[in-house]
Amino acid sequence: MWNHNYYMYITTNPGKTTLYVGMTNDVGIRAFQHKENRGTNNSFAGKYYCYCLVYYEHFTHVEQAIAREKEVKKWRREKKLALIESINPEWRFLNDEVGG
């Protein structure tokens, strides 16, 4: 049986003023890609320097990760902040932790 890994994640900019919610199959590589794209206008995350990983959830089915991403994207900022702070109250940047 295959081991599948998918992630819903949240990144922010260094000043922690903007949030980006995404989905990927490799959160470490995706965090690195966001960092490489910072300051570019090619994407929302790049334009607003959202390369600091502050939250992620693991899923084994892609459909679950996509559904969770869509759910969290619809939330108000306050609810996203509460989600981040439920596991990362200090808002540590988790990039090194995941290899990104």
C-alpha atoms as a PDB file:
ATOM      1  CA  MET A   1       0.000   0.000   0.000  1.00  0.00           C
ATOM      2  CA  TRP A   2       1.222   3.487  -0.897  1.00  0.00           C
ATOM      3  CA  ASN A   3       1.919   6.102   1.710  1.00  0.00           C
ATOM      4  CA  HIS A   4       0.431   9.381   0.505  1.00  0.00           C
ATOM      5  CA  ASN A   5       1.213  12.737   2.055  1.00  0.00           C
ATOM      6  CA  TYR A   6      -0.724  15.926   1.476  1.00  0.00           C
ATOM      7  CA  TYR A   7      -0.749  19.117   3.483  1.00  0.00           C
ATOM      8  CA  MET A   8      -2.896  22.157   4.036  1.00  0.00           C
ATOM      9  CA  TYR A   9      -0.594  24.921   5.211  1.00  0.00           C
ATOM     10  CA  ILE A  10      -0.536  28.576   6.184  1.00  0.00           C
ATOM     11  CA  THR A  11       2.324  30.969   5.513  1.00  0.00           C
ATOM     12  CA  THR A  12       2.767  34.589   6.491  1.00  0.00           C
ATOM     13  CA  ASN A  13       5.162  37.426   5.752  1.00  0.00           C
ATOM     14  CA  PRO A  14       7.992  38.309   8.184  1.00  0.00           C
ATOM     15  CA  GLY A  15       5.843  41.063   9.742  1.00  0.00           C
ATOM     16  CA  LYS A  16       2.989  38.555  10.247  1.00  0.00           C
ATOM     17  CA  THR A  17       0.451  40.871   8.626  1.00  0.00           C
ATOM     18  CA  THR A  18      -0.666  38.754   5.645  1.00  0.00           C
ATOM     19  CA  LEU A  19      -1.766  35.105   5.568  1.00  0.00           C
ATOM     20  CA  TYR A  20      -1.691  32.639   2.681  1.00  0.00           C
ATOM     21  CA  VAL A  21      -3.480  29.266   2.772  1.00  0.00           C
ATOM     22  CA  GLY A  22      -2.341  26.530   0.393  1.00  0.00           C
ATOM     23  CA  MET A  23      -2.200  22.790  -0.268  1.00  0.00           C
ATOM     24  CA  THR A  24       0.742  20.648  -1.376  1.00  0.00           C
ATOM     25  CA  ASN A  25       2.095  17.111  -1.376  1.00  0.00           C
ATOM     26  CA  ASP A  26       5.464  18.232   0.052  1.00  0.00           C
ATOM     27  CA  VAL A  27       5.321  21.031   2.598  1.00  0.00           C
ATOM     28  CA  GLY A  28       9.129  21.333   2.827  1.00  0.00           C
ATOM     29  CA  ILE A  29       9.592  21.843  -0.903  1.00  0.00           C
ATOM     30  CA  ARG A  30       6.604  24.174  -1.075  1.00  0.00           C
ATOM     31  CA  ALA A  31       7.954  26.323   1.779  1.00  0.00           C
ATOM     32  CA  PHE A  32      11.276  26.553  -0.085  1.00  0.00           C
ATOM     33  CA  GLN A  33       9.466  27.530  -3.313  1.00  0.00           C
ATOM     34  CA  HIS A  34       7.561  30.278  -1.500  1.00  0.00           C
ATOM     35  CA  LYS A  35      10.843  31.626  -0.138  1.00  0.00           C
ATOM     36  CA  GLU A  36      12.424  31.570  -3.603  1.00  0.00           C
ATOM     37  CA  ASN A  37       9.412  33.427  -5.076  1.00  0.00           C
ATOM     38  CA  ARG A  38       9.283  36.168  -2.427  1.00  0.00           C
ATOM     39  CA  GLY A  39       9.005  39.653  -3.821  1.00  0.00           C
ATOM     40  CA  THR A  40       7.768  38.518  -7.238  1.00  0.00           C
ATOM     41  CA  ASN A  41       4.372  39.401  -8.617  1.00  0.00           C
ATOM     42  CA  ASN A  42       3.841  35.890 -10.016  1.00  0.00           C
ATOM     43  CA  SER A  43       1.591  34.886  -7.115  1.00  0.00           C
ATOM     44  CA  PHE A  44      -0.210  36.252  -4.062  1.00  0.00           C
ATOM     45  CA  ALA A  45       2.328  34.591  -1.726  1.00  0.00           C
ATOM     46  CA  GLY A  46       5.245  36.019  -3.695  1.00  0.00           C
ATOM     47  CA  LYS A  47       3.814  39.512  -3.981  1.00  0.00           C
ATOM     48  CA  TYR A  48       3.138  39.740  -0.240  1.00  0.00           C
ATOM     49  CA  TYR A  49       6.281  37.873   0.925  1.00  0.00           C
ATOM     50  CA  CYS A  50       4.260  35.004   2.462  1.00  0.00           C
ATOM     51  CA  TYR A  51       7.072  32.488   2.794  1.00  0.00           C
ATOM     52  CA  CYS A  52       7.171  31.948   6.579  1.00  0.00           C
ATOM     53  CA  LEU A  53       5.418  28.668   7.397  1.00  0.00           C
ATOM     54  CA  VAL A  54       3.403  28.966  10.622  1.00  0.00           C
ATOM     55  CA  TYR A  55       0.910  26.088  10.390  1.00  0.00           C
ATOM     56  CA  TYR A  56       0.291  22.817   8.555  1.00  0.00           C
ATOM     57  CA  GLU A  57      -1.936  19.756   8.726  1.00  0.00           C
ATOM     58  CA  HIS A  58      -1.156  16.328   7.256  1.00  0.00           C
ATOM     59  CA  PHE A  59      -3.600  14.220   5.216  1.00  0.00           C
ATOM     60  CA  THR A  60      -3.300  10.871   3.459  1.00  0.00           C
ATOM     61  CA  HIS A  61      -5.920  11.637   0.798  1.00  0.00           C
ATOM     62  CA  VAL A  62      -5.627  14.555  -1.590  1.00  0.00           C
ATOM     63  CA  GLU A  63      -9.379  15.184  -1.498  1.00  0.00           C
ATOM     64  CA  GLN A  64      -9.210  15.785   2.260  1.00  0.00           C
ATOM     65  CA  ALA A  65      -6.361  18.283   1.906  1.00  0.00           C
ATOM     66  CA  ILE A  66      -8.147  20.168  -0.874  1.00  0.00           C
ATOM     67  CA  ALA A  67     -11.395  20.296   1.113  1.00  0.00           C
ATOM     68  CA  ARG A  68      -9.569  21.577   4.201  1.00  0.00           C
ATOM     69  CA  GLU A  69      -7.730  24.234   2.180  1.00  0.00           C
ATOM     70  CA  LYS A  70     -11.028  25.471   0.702  1.00  0.00           C
ATOM     71  CA  GLU A  71     -12.637  25.474   4.155  1.00  0.00           C
ATOM     72  CA  VAL A  72      -9.858  27.463   5.848  1.00  0.00           C
ATOM     73  CA  LYS A  73      -9.550  29.934   2.947  1.00  0.00           C
ATOM     74  CA  LYS A  74     -13.171  30.979   3.553  1.00  0.00           C
ATOM     75  CA  TRP A  75     -12.568  31.721   7.232  1.00  0.00           C
ATOM     76  CA  ARG A  76     -12.257  35.199   8.671  1.00  0.00           C
ATOM     77  CA  ARG A  77      -8.759  36.237   9.732  1.00  0.00           C
ATOM     78  CA  GLU A  78      -9.580  35.863  13.442  1.00  0.00           C
ATOM     79  CA  LYS A  79     -10.473  32.206  13.012  1.00  0.00           C
ATOM     80  CA  LYS A  80      -7.258  31.534  11.039  1.00  0.00           C
ATOM     81  CA  LEU A  81      -5.234  33.227  13.797  1.00  0.00           C
ATOM     82  CA  ALA A  82      -6.899  31.021  16.414  1.00  0.00           C
ATOM     83  CA  LEU A  83      -6.071  27.919  14.348  1.00  0.00           C
ATOM     84  CA  ILE A  84      -2.404  28.905  14.051  1.00  0.00           C
ATOM     85  CA  GLU A  85      -2.158  29.766  17.748  1.00  0.00           C
ATOM     86  CA  SER A  86      -3.750  26.445  18.760  1.00  0.00           C
ATOM     87  CA  ILE A  87      -0.491  24.678  17.841  1.00  0.00           C
ATOM     88  CA  ASN A  88       1.959  27.540  17.367  1.00  0.00           C
ATOM     89  CA  PRO A  89       1.166  30.258  19.954  1.00  0.00           C
ATOM     90  CA  GLU A  90       4.595  31.898  19.514  1.00  0.00           C
ATOM     91  CA  TRP A  91       4.172  32.070  15.736  1.00  0.00           C
ATOM     92  CA  ARG A  92       7.509  30.326  15.224  1.00  0.00           C
ATOM     93  CA  PHE A  93       8.497  30.005  11.575  1.00  0.00           C
ATOM     94  CA  LEU A  94       8.464  26.271  10.873  1.00  0.00           C
ATOM     95  CA  ASN A  95      10.409  26.297   7.576  1.00  0.00           C
ATOM     96  CA  ASP A  96      13.529  24.655   9.028  1.00  0.00           C
ATOM     97  CA  GLU A  97      11.405  22.075  10.817  1.00  0.00           C
ATOM     98  CA  VAL A  98       9.960  20.795   7.513  1.00  0.00           C
ATOM     99  CA  GLY A  99      13.135  21.209   5.470  1.00  0.00           C
ATOM    100  CA  GLY A 100      12.024  24.349   3.646  1.00  0.00           C
END
